[in-house]
């Protein structure tokens, strides 16, 4: 998953990746979202990144 993260981050660019992460981190800090593991959070981000890549 970390290789995918690196590849997709390079394709999309830091600004777009930041725009994807920000709302998710706010949801976590506000109690609106819960992930059992960091890998669950990463998996959700990778899915969103895949949608934006095309």
Protein backbone atom coordinates (compact mmCIF):
# COMPACT_ATOMS: atom_id res chain seq x y z
CA UNK A 1 0.00 0.00 0.00
CA UNK A 2 2.85 2.38 0.68
CA UNK A 3 4.15 1.96 -2.87
CA UNK A 4 0.69 2.82 -4.20
CA UNK A 5 0.62 5.84 -1.91
CA UNK A 6 3.95 7.06 -3.28
CA UNK A 7 2.96 6.48 -6.90
CA UNK A 8 -0.44 8.14 -6.61
CA UNK A 9 0.91 11.06 -4.61
CA UNK A 10 3.46 11.75 -7.33
CA UNK A 11 0.79 11.59 -10.04
CA UNK A 12 -1.74 13.80 -8.26
CA UNK A 13 0.61 16.25 -6.58
CA UNK A 14 0.87 17.43 -3.01
CA UNK A 15 -1.89 20.03 -3.20
CA UNK A 16 -4.56 17.59 -4.40
CA UNK A 17 -3.47 14.95 -1.89
CA UNK A 18 -3.70 17.54 0.88
CA UNK A 19 -7.22 18.42 -0.25
CA UNK A 20 -8.16 14.74 0.07
CA UNK A 21 -6.57 14.24 3.48
CA UNK A 22 -7.86 17.41 5.18
CA UNK A 23 -11.58 16.51 5.35
CA UNK A 24 -10.81 12.98 6.51
CA UNK A 25 -8.55 14.15 9.31
CA UNK A 26 -11.20 16.65 10.41
CA UNK A 27 -13.76 13.83 10.52
CA UNK A 28 -11.45 11.77 12.73
CA UNK A 29 -10.65 14.62 15.11
CA UNK A 30 -14.32 15.62 15.37
CA UNK A 31 -15.36 12.03 16.08
CA UNK A 32 -17.25 11.73 12.79
CA UNK A 33 -15.10 8.88 11.49
CA UNK A 34 -13.28 5.99 13.06
CA UNK A 35 -10.65 3.72 11.55
CA UNK A 36 -9.49 0.57 13.32
CA UNK A 37 -5.99 0.83 11.89
CA UNK A 38 -3.89 3.35 10.01
CA UNK A 39 -4.01 0.97 7.06
CA UNK A 40 -7.80 1.38 6.95
CA UNK A 41 -7.38 5.14 6.69
CA UNK A 42 -4.73 4.70 3.98
CA UNK A 43 -6.96 2.30 2.06
CA UNK A 44 -9.77 4.87 1.97
CA UNK A 45 -7.37 7.54 0.73
CA UNK A 46 -5.96 5.24 -1.95
CA UNK A 47 -9.45 4.53 -3.25
CA UNK A 48 -10.20 8.24 -3.47
CA UNK A 49 -6.85 8.89 -5.15
CA UNK A 50 -7.64 6.22 -7.74
CA UNK A 51 -10.90 7.98 -8.60
CA UNK A 52 -9.11 11.30 -9.11
CA UNK A 53 -6.31 9.78 -11.13
CA UNK A 54 -8.55 9.09 -14.14
